[in-house]
PDB file of N, CA and C in Angstrom:
ATOM      1  N   MET A   1      82.572  34.562 192.027  1.00  0.00           N
ATOM      2  CA  MET A   1      81.946  35.856 192.183  1.00  0.00           C
ATOM      3  C   MET A   1      82.674  36.615 193.285  1.00  0.00           C
ATOM      4  N   LEU A   2      83.066  37.839 193.022  1.00  0.00           N
ATOM      5  CA  LEU A   2      83.722  38.680 194.002  1.00  0.00           C
ATOM      6  C   LEU A   2      82.683  39.593 194.617  1.00  0.00           C
ATOM      7  N   VAL A   3      82.591  39.594 195.931  1.00  0.00           N
ATOM      8  CA  VAL A   3      81.645  40.451 196.633  1.00  0.00           C
ATOM      9  C   VAL A   3      82.436  41.586 197.262  1.00  0.00           C
ATOM     10  N   ASN A   4      82.137  42.810 196.888  1.00  0.00           N
ATOM     11  CA  ASN A   4      82.831  43.972 197.430  1.00  0.00           C
ATOM     12  C   ASN A   4      82.062  44.495 198.632  1.00  0.00           C
ATOM     13  N   THR A   5      82.659  44.410 199.800  1.00  0.00           N
ATOM     14  CA  THR A   5      82.025  44.902 201.017  1.00  0.00           C
ATOM     15  C   THR A   5      82.671  46.191 201.485  1.00  0.00           C
ATOM     16  N   ASN A   6      83.505  46.790 200.629  1.00  0.00           N
ATOM     17  CA  ASN A   6      84.241  47.995 200.987  1.00  0.00           C
ATOM     18  C   ASN A   6      85.080  47.763 202.242  1.00  0.00           C
ATOM     19  N   LEU A   7      85.543  46.536 202.410  1.00  0.00           N
ATOM     20  CA  LEU A   7      86.423  46.121 203.491  1.00  0.00           C
ATOM     21  C   LEU A   7      85.761  46.089 204.869  1.00  0.00           C
ATOM     22  N   HIS A   8      84.478  46.401 204.957  1.00  0.00           N
ATOM     23  CA  HIS A   8      83.755  46.446 206.228  1.00  0.00           C
ATOM     24  C   HIS A   8      83.390  45.039 206.687  1.00  0.00           C
ATOM     25  N   ILE A   9      83.513  44.781 207.980  1.00  0.00           N
ATOM     26  CA  ILE A   9      83.127  43.490 208.552  1.00  0.00           C
ATOM     27  C   ILE A   9      81.787  43.680 209.254  1.00  0.00           C
ATOM     28  N   PRO A  10      80.735  43.009 208.785  1.00  0.00           N
ATOM     29  CA  PRO A  10      79.402  43.193 209.359  1.00  0.00           C
ATOM     30  C   PRO A  10      79.376  42.947 210.873  1.00  0.00           C
ATOM     31  N   GLY A  11      78.628  43.768 211.583  1.00  0.00           N
ATOM     32  CA  GLY A  11      78.462  43.595 213.020  1.00  0.00           C
ATOM     33  C   GLY A  11      79.494  44.305 213.862  1.00  0.00           C
ATOM     34  N   THR A  12      80.379  45.079 213.240  1.00  0.00           N
ATOM     35  CA  THR A  12      81.428  45.770 213.982  1.00  0.00           C
ATOM     36  C   THR A  12      81.869  47.015 213.222  1.00  0.00           C
ATOM     37  N   ASN A  13      82.613  47.867 213.872  1.00  0.00           N
ATOM     38  CA  ASN A  13      83.164  49.037 213.190  1.00  0.00           C
ATOM     39  C   ASN A  13      84.558  48.764 212.636  1.00  0.00           C
ATOM     40  N   VAL A  14      85.007  47.513 212.701  1.00  0.00           N
ATOM     41  CA  VAL A  14      86.329  47.107 212.227  1.00  0.00           C
ATOM     42  C   VAL A  14      86.255  46.747 210.740  1.00  0.00           C
ATOM     43  N   LYS A  15      87.321  47.099 209.999  1.00  0.00           N
ATOM     44  CA  LYS A  15      87.418  46.778 208.584  1.00  0.00           C
ATOM     45  C   LYS A  15      88.693  45.975 208.331  1.00  0.00           C
ATOM     46  N   LEU A  16      88.764  45.302 207.182  1.00  0.00           N
ATOM     47  CA  LEU A  16      90.004  44.655 206.784  1.00  0.00           C
ATOM     48  C   LEU A  16      91.091  45.723 206.713  1.00  0.00           C
ATOM     49  N   GLY A  17      92.261  45.421 207.233  1.00  0.00           N
ATOM     50  CA  GLY A  17      93.367  46.373 207.246  1.00  0.00           C
ATOM     51  C   GLY A  17      93.479  47.162 208.536  1.00  0.00           C
ATOM     52  N   ASP A  18      92.445  47.118 209.397  1.00  0.00           N
ATOM     53  CA  ASP A  18      92.506  47.817 210.687  1.00  0.00           C
ATOM     54  C   ASP A  18      93.322  47.006 211.688  1.00  0.00           C
ATOM     55  N   ARG A  19      93.849  47.677 212.705  1.00  0.00           N
ATOM     56  CA  ARG A  19      94.454  46.980 213.844  1.00  0.00           C
ATOM     57  C   ARG A  19      93.335  46.814 214.866  1.00  0.00           C
ATOM     58  N   ALA A  20      93.131  45.578 215.315  1.00  0.00           N
ATOM     59  CA  ALA A  20      92.056  45.277 216.258  1.00  0.00           C
ATOM     60  C   ALA A  20      92.580  44.404 217.389  1.00  0.00           C
ATOM     61  N   ARG A  21      91.819  44.368 218.472  1.00  0.00           N
ATOM     62  CA  ARG A  21      92.178  43.572 219.653  1.00  0.00           C
ATOM     63  C   ARG A  21      91.007  42.670 220.010  1.00  0.00           C
ATOM     64  N   ASP A  22      91.342  41.441 220.371  1.00  0.00           N
ATOM     65  CA  ASP A  22      90.367  40.501 220.934  1.00  0.00           C
ATOM     66  C   ASP A  22      90.230  40.855 222.413  1.00  0.00           C
ATOM     67  N   ARG A  23      89.051  41.309 222.828  1.00  0.00           N
ATOM     68  CA  ARG A  23      88.868  41.751 224.218  1.00  0.00           C
ATOM     69  C   ARG A  23      89.004  40.610 225.216  1.00  0.00           C
ATOM     70  N   ILE A  24      88.830  39.375 224.798  1.00  0.00           N
ATOM     71  CA  ILE A  24      88.937  38.237 225.726  1.00  0.00           C
ATOM     72  C   ILE A  24      90.398  37.840 225.953  1.00  0.00           C
ATOM     73  N   THR A  25      91.138  37.651 224.843  1.00  0.00           N
ATOM     74  CA  THR A  25      92.518  37.170 224.962  1.00  0.00           C
ATOM     75  C   THR A  25      93.532  38.310 225.033  1.00  0.00           C
ATOM     76  N   GLY A  26      93.148  39.497 224.571  1.00  0.00           N
ATOM     77  CA  GLY A  26      94.081  40.616 224.525  1.00  0.00           C
ATOM     78  C   GLY A  26      94.975  40.611 223.296  1.00  0.00           C
ATOM     79  N   PHE A  27      94.831  39.582 222.452  1.00  0.00           N
ATOM     80  CA  PHE A  27      95.664  39.491 221.251  1.00  0.00           C
ATOM     81  C   PHE A  27      95.305  40.633 220.304  1.00  0.00           C
ATOM     82  N   GLU A  28      96.324  41.238 219.711  1.00  0.00           N
ATOM     83  CA  GLU A  28      96.135  42.404 218.851  1.00  0.00           C
ATOM     84  C   GLU A  28      96.894  42.215 217.550  1.00  0.00           C
ATOM     85  N   GLY A  29      96.278  42.593 216.435  1.00  0.00           N
ATOM     86  CA  GLY A  29      96.956  42.496 215.155  1.00  0.00           C
ATOM     87  C   GLY A  29      96.144  43.125 214.047  1.00  0.00           C
ATOM     88  N   ILE A  30      96.676  43.064 212.836  1.00  0.00           N
ATOM     89  CA  ILE A  30      96.010  43.594 211.654  1.00  0.00           C
ATOM     90  C   ILE A  30      94.984  42.562 211.172  1.00  0.00           C
ATOM     91  N   VAL A  31      93.784  43.022 210.862  1.00  0.00           N
ATOM     92  CA  VAL A  31      92.718  42.150 210.353  1.00  0.00           C
ATOM     93  C   VAL A  31      93.008  41.882 208.880  1.00  0.00           C
ATOM     94  N   THR A  32      93.303  40.607 208.559  1.00  0.00           N
ATOM     95  CA  THR A  32      93.650  40.250 207.187  1.00  0.00           C
ATOM     96  C   THR A  32      92.593  39.400 206.494  1.00  0.00           C
ATOM     97  N   THR A  33      91.727  38.760 207.269  1.00  0.00           N
ATOM     98  CA  THR A  33      90.740  37.844 206.696  1.00  0.00           C
ATOM     99  C   THR A  33      89.449  37.914 207.491  1.00  0.00           C
ATOM    100  N   HIS A  34      88.319  37.807 206.793  1.00  0.00           N
ATOM    101  CA  HIS A  34      87.018  37.711 207.447  1.00  0.00           C
ATOM    102  C   HIS A  34      86.324  36.471 206.907  1.00  0.00           C
ATOM    103  N   VAL A  35      85.786  35.641 207.808  1.00  0.00           N
ATOM    104  CA  VAL A  35      85.036  34.449 207.395  1.00  0.00           C
ATOM    105  C   VAL A  35      83.679  34.432 208.074  1.00  0.00           C
ATOM    106  N   ARG A  36      82.706  33.866 207.371  1.00  0.00           N
ATOM    107  CA  ARG A  36      81.372  33.637 207.948  1.00  0.00           C
ATOM    108  C   ARG A  36      81.076  32.159 207.771  1.00  0.00           C
ATOM    109  N   TYR A  37      80.941  31.463 208.890  1.00  0.00           N
ATOM    110  CA  TYR A  37      80.687  30.029 208.865  1.00  0.00           C
ATOM    111  C   TYR A  37      79.211  29.748 208.639  1.00  0.00           C
ATOM    112  N   LEU A  38      78.907  28.549 208.192  1.00  0.00           N
ATOM    113  CA  LEU A  38      77.517  28.144 207.975  1.00  0.00           C
ATOM    114  C   LEU A  38      76.680  28.239 209.243  1.00  0.00           C
ATOM    115  N   THR A  39      77.321  28.154 210.375  1.00  0.00           N
ATOM    116  CA  THR A  39      76.613  28.243 211.652  1.00  0.00           C
ATOM    117  C   THR A  39      76.255  29.677 212.023  1.00  0.00           C
ATOM    118  N   GLY A  40      76.746  30.651 211.231  1.00  0.00           N
ATOM    119  CA  GLY A  40      76.450  32.048 211.489  1.00  0.00           C
ATOM    120  C   GLY A  40      77.522  32.768 212.282  1.00  0.00           C
ATOM    121  N   CYS A  41      78.592  32.081 212.628  1.00  0.00           N
ATOM    122  CA  CYS A  41      79.685  32.685 213.386  1.00  0.00           C
ATOM    123  C   CYS A  41      80.597  33.455 212.439  1.00  0.00           C
ATOM    124  N   ASP A  42      80.883  34.713 212.777  1.00  0.00           N
ATOM    125  CA  ASP A  42      81.838  35.529 212.024  1.00  0.00           C
ATOM    126  C   ASP A  42      83.145  35.572 212.795  1.00  0.00           C
ATOM    127  N   ALA A  43      84.253  35.438 212.069  1.00  0.00           N
ATOM    128  CA  ALA A  43      85.568  35.501 212.697  1.00  0.00           C
ATOM    129  C   ALA A  43      86.525  36.252 211.777  1.00  0.00           C
ATOM    130  N   VAL A  44      87.603  36.748 212.346  1.00  0.00           N
ATOM    131  CA  VAL A  44      88.651  37.411 211.574  1.00  0.00           C
ATOM    132  C   VAL A  44      90.000  36.813 211.950  1.00  0.00           C
ATOM    133  N   TRP A  45      90.942  36.914 211.023  1.00  0.00           N
ATOM    134  CA  TRP A  45      92.315  36.472 211.253  1.00  0.00           C
ATOM    135  C   TRP A  45      93.132  37.699 211.589  1.00  0.00           C
ATOM    136  N   LEU A  46      93.760  37.685 212.753  1.00  0.00           N
ATOM    137  CA  LEU A  46      94.601  38.789 213.195  1.00  0.00           C
ATOM    138  C   LEU A  46      96.058  38.391 213.036  1.00  0.00           C
ATOM    139  N   ARG A  47      96.835  39.270 212.425  1.00  0.00           N
ATOM    140  CA  ARG A  47      98.276  39.024 212.257  1.00  0.00           C
ATOM    141  C   ARG A  47      99.043  40.111 212.994  1.00  0.00           C
ATOM    142  N   ALA A  48      99.811  39.695 213.981  1.00  0.00           N
ATOM    143  CA  ALA A  48     100.595  40.629 214.791  1.00  0.00           C
ATOM    144  C   ALA A  48     101.996  40.790 214.214  1.00  0.00           C
ATOM    145  N   SER A  49     102.712  41.748 214.704  1.00  0.00           N
ATOM    146  CA  SER A  49     104.098  41.972 214.280  1.00  0.00           C
ATOM    147  C   SER A  49     104.958  40.768 214.647  1.00  0.00           C
ATOM    148  N   ALA A  50     106.080  40.651 213.973  1.00  0.00           N
ATOM    149  CA  ALA A  50     107.004  39.551 214.253  1.00  0.00           C
ATOM    150  C   ALA A  50     107.592  39.689 215.650  1.00  0.00           C
ATOM    151  N   ASN A  51     107.841  38.543 216.270  1.00  0.00           N
ATOM    152  CA  ASN A  51     108.466  38.536 217.603  1.00  0.00           C
ATOM    153  C   ASN A  51     109.989  38.520 217.464  1.00  0.00           C
ATOM    154  N   GLU A  52     110.692  38.258 218.554  1.00  0.00           N
ATOM    155  CA  GLU A  52     112.160  38.256 218.550  1.00  0.00           C
ATOM    156  C   GLU A  52     112.743  37.248 217.563  1.00  0.00           C
ATOM    157  N   ASP A  53     112.036  36.140 217.330  1.00  0.00           N
ATOM    158  CA  ASP A  53     112.510  35.102 216.416  1.00  0.00           C
ATOM    159  C   ASP A  53     112.237  35.444 214.953  1.00  0.00           C
ATOM    160  N   GLY A  54     111.553  36.570 214.718  1.00  0.00           N
ATOM    161  CA  GLY A  54     111.227  36.957 213.348  1.00  0.00           C
ATOM    162  C   GLY A  54     109.978  36.304 212.810  1.00  0.00           C
ATOM    163  N   LYS A  55     109.241  35.589 213.668  1.00  0.00           N
ATOM    164  CA  LYS A  55     108.019  34.911 213.232  1.00  0.00           C
ATOM    165  C   LYS A  55     106.801  35.747 213.624  1.00  0.00           C
ATOM    166  N   ALA A  56     105.900  35.914 212.669  1.00  0.00           N
ATOM    167  CA  ALA A  56     104.673  36.658 212.952  1.00  0.00           C
ATOM    168  C   ALA A  56     103.730  35.778 213.766  1.00  0.00           C
ATOM    169  N   ARG A  57     103.028  36.404 214.694  1.00  0.00           N
ATOM    170  CA  ARG A  57     102.029  35.692 215.493  1.00  0.00           C
ATOM    171  C   ARG A  57     100.670  35.946 214.864  1.00  0.00           C
ATOM    172  N   GLU A  58      99.839  34.907 214.790  1.00  0.00           N
ATOM    173  CA  GLU A  58      98.539  35.007 214.150  1.00  0.00           C
ATOM    174  C   GLU A  58      97.519  34.185 214.929  1.00  0.00           C
ATOM    175  N   GLN A  59      96.262  34.621 214.875  1.00  0.00           N
ATOM    176  CA  GLN A  59      95.197  33.812 215.477  1.00  0.00           C
ATOM    177  C   GLN A  59      93.842  34.314 215.019  1.00  0.00           C
ATOM    178  N   TRP A  60      92.834  33.438 215.158  1.00  0.00           N
ATOM    179  CA  TRP A  60      91.444  33.789 214.856  1.00  0.00           C
ATOM    180  C   TRP A  60      90.851  34.526 216.042  1.00  0.00           C
ATOM    181  N   ALA A  61      89.913  35.426 215.759  1.00  0.00           N
ATOM    182  CA  ALA A  61      89.161  36.113 216.810  1.00  0.00           C
ATOM    183  C   ALA A  61      87.712  36.222 216.350  1.00  0.00           C
ATOM    184  N   HIS A  62      86.780  36.050 217.268  1.00  0.00           N
ATOM    185  CA  HIS A  62      85.368  36.186 216.938  1.00  0.00           C
ATOM    186  C   HIS A  62      84.999  37.666 216.844  1.00  0.00           C
ATOM    187  N   VAL A  63      84.204  38.010 215.859  1.00  0.00           N
ATOM    188  CA  VAL A  63      83.840  39.399 215.602  1.00  0.00           C
ATOM    189  C   VAL A  63      83.194  40.088 216.807  1.00  0.00           C
ATOM    190  N   PRO A  64      82.283  39.441 217.550  1.00  0.00           N
ATOM    191  CA  PRO A  64      81.642  40.153 218.657  1.00  0.00           C
ATOM    192  C   PRO A  64      82.589  40.632 219.757  1.00  0.00           C
ATOM    193  N   VAL A  65      83.785  40.076 219.848  1.00  0.00           N
ATOM    194  CA  VAL A  65      84.708  40.496 220.912  1.00  0.00           C
ATOM    195  C   VAL A  65      85.830  41.390 220.396  1.00  0.00           C
ATOM    196  N   LEU A  66      85.706  41.877 219.162  1.00  0.00           N
ATOM    197  CA  LEU A  66      86.732  42.754 218.594  1.00  0.00           C
ATOM    198  C   LEU A  66      86.550  44.188 219.047  1.00  0.00           C
ATOM    199  N   GLU A  67      87.676  44.873 219.218  1.00  0.00           N
ATOM    200  CA  GLU A  67      87.635  46.314 219.420  1.00  0.00           C
ATOM    201  C   GLU A  67      88.687  46.950 218.519  1.00  0.00           C
ATOM    202  N   LEU A  68      88.340  48.072 217.944  1.00  0.00           N
ATOM    203  CA  LEU A  68      89.230  48.796 217.051  1.00  0.00           C
ATOM    204  C   LEU A  68      90.354  49.444 217.849  1.00  0.00           C
ATOM    205  N   VAL A  69      91.597  49.242 217.403  1.00  0.00           N
ATOM    206  CA  VAL A  69      92.767  49.847 218.035  1.00  0.00           C
ATOM    207  C   VAL A  69      93.292  50.990 217.172  1.00  0.00           C
ATOM    208  N   ASP A  70      93.410  50.744 215.863  1.00  0.00           N
ATOM    209  CA  ASP A  70      93.932  51.750 214.945  1.00  0.00           C
ATOM    210  C   ASP A  70      93.242  51.591 213.603  1.00  0.00           C
ATOM    211  N   ASP A  71      92.698  52.680 213.102  1.00  0.00           N
ATOM    212  CA  ASP A  71      91.962  52.669 211.840  1.00  0.00           C
ATOM    213  C   ASP A  71      92.917  52.684 210.652  1.00  0.00           C
ATOM    214  N   ASN A  72      93.014  51.543 209.955  1.00  0.00           N
ATOM    215  CA  ASN A  72      93.755  51.412 208.709  1.00  0.00           C
ATOM    216  C   ASN A  72      95.216  51.877 208.793  1.00  0.00           C
ATOM    217  N   PRO A  73      96.018  51.316 209.695  1.00  0.00           N
ATOM    218  CA  PRO A  73      97.417  51.756 209.816  1.00  0.00           C
ATOM    219  C   PRO A  73      98.265  51.459 208.577  1.00  0.00           C
ATOM    220  N   LEU A  74      97.851  50.499 207.754  1.00  0.00           N
ATOM    221  CA  LEU A  74      98.600  50.161 206.541  1.00  0.00           C
ATOM    222  C   LEU A  74      98.127  50.964 205.336  1.00  0.00           C
ATOM    223  N   GLU A  75      97.119  51.811 205.539  1.00  0.00           N
ATOM    224  CA  GLU A  75      96.549  52.649 204.490  1.00  0.00           C
ATOM    225  C   GLU A  75      96.050  51.835 203.298  1.00  0.00           C
ATOM    226  N   VAL A  76      95.291  50.776 203.582  1.00  0.00           N
ATOM    227  CA  VAL A  76      94.671  49.952 202.551  1.00  0.00           C
ATOM    228  C   VAL A  76      93.568  50.781 201.902  1.00  0.00           C
ATOM    229  N   LYS A  77      93.581  50.890 200.580  1.00  0.00           N
ATOM    230  CA  LYS A  77      92.621  51.734 199.868  1.00  0.00           C
ATOM    231  C   LYS A  77      91.321  50.983 199.558  1.00  0.00           C
ATOM    232  N   SER A  78      91.420  49.814 198.943  1.00  0.00           N
ATOM    233  CA  SER A  78      90.237  49.044 198.571  1.00  0.00           C
ATOM    234  C   SER A  78      90.676  47.667 198.102  1.00  0.00           C
ATOM    235  N   MET A  79      89.691  46.825 197.838  1.00  0.00           N
ATOM    236  CA  MET A  79      89.995  45.511 197.271  1.00  0.00           C
ATOM    237  C   MET A  79      90.478  45.690 195.847  1.00  0.00           C
ATOM    238  N   PRO A  80      91.454  44.892 195.386  1.00  0.00           N
ATOM    239  CA  PRO A  80      91.889  44.979 193.996  1.00  0.00           C
ATOM    240  C   PRO A  80      90.728  44.666 193.064  1.00  0.00           C
ATOM    241  N   LYS A  81      90.649  45.375 191.965  1.00  0.00           N
ATOM    242  CA  LYS A  81      89.547  45.190 191.008  1.00  0.00           C
ATOM    243  C   LYS A  81      89.748  43.975 190.121  1.00  0.00           C
ATOM    244  N   ASP A  82      90.991  43.506 189.983  1.00  0.00           N
ATOM    245  CA  ASP A  82      91.285  42.422 189.035  1.00  0.00           C
ATOM    246  C   ASP A  82      91.430  41.053 189.701  1.00  0.00           C
ATOM    247  N   VAL A  83      90.858  40.885 190.886  1.00  0.00           N
ATOM    248  CA  VAL A  83      90.935  39.588 191.566  1.00  0.00           C
ATOM    249  C   VAL A  83      89.961  38.633 190.881  1.00  0.00           C
ATOM    250  N   PRO A  84      90.464  37.488 190.380  1.00  0.00           N
ATOM    251  CA  PRO A  84      89.569  36.548 189.702  1.00  0.00           C
ATOM    252  C   PRO A  84      88.629  35.857 190.699  1.00  0.00           C
ATOM    253  N   ALA A  85      87.510  35.410 190.198  1.00  0.00           N
ATOM    254  CA  ALA A  85      86.570  34.657 191.032  1.00  0.00           C
ATOM    255  C   ALA A  85      87.219  33.351 191.454  1.00  0.00           C
ATOM    256  N   SER A  86      86.919  32.924 192.689  1.00  0.00           N
ATOM    257  CA  SER A  86      87.499  31.660 193.168  1.00  0.00           C
ATOM    258  C   SER A  86      86.673  30.491 192.651  1.00  0.00           C
ATOM    259  N   GLY A  87      87.313  29.331 192.640  1.00  0.00           N
ATOM    260  CA  GLY A  87      86.574  28.117 192.297  1.00  0.00           C
ATOM    261  C   GLY A  87      86.830  27.576 190.997  1.00  0.00           C
TER     262      GLY A  87
END
């Protein structure tokens, strides 16, 4: 089953495709993934630009400590309509 959330991440003004910063670590990147654990913790995967070695830096960040840096810099329109259900 595909759930369309219009790219919005509950509990914050950040959406998938936005550039966000973890206020605790200072790490900044594009929000590519949102997860909700059984324990009720929401987290996002941030992907930063490649460094000098050409490797992208990535890390998890908890939703409550996110702050919006740039609204949709990649101009993501919506979730693809033809994504098959997982499982």
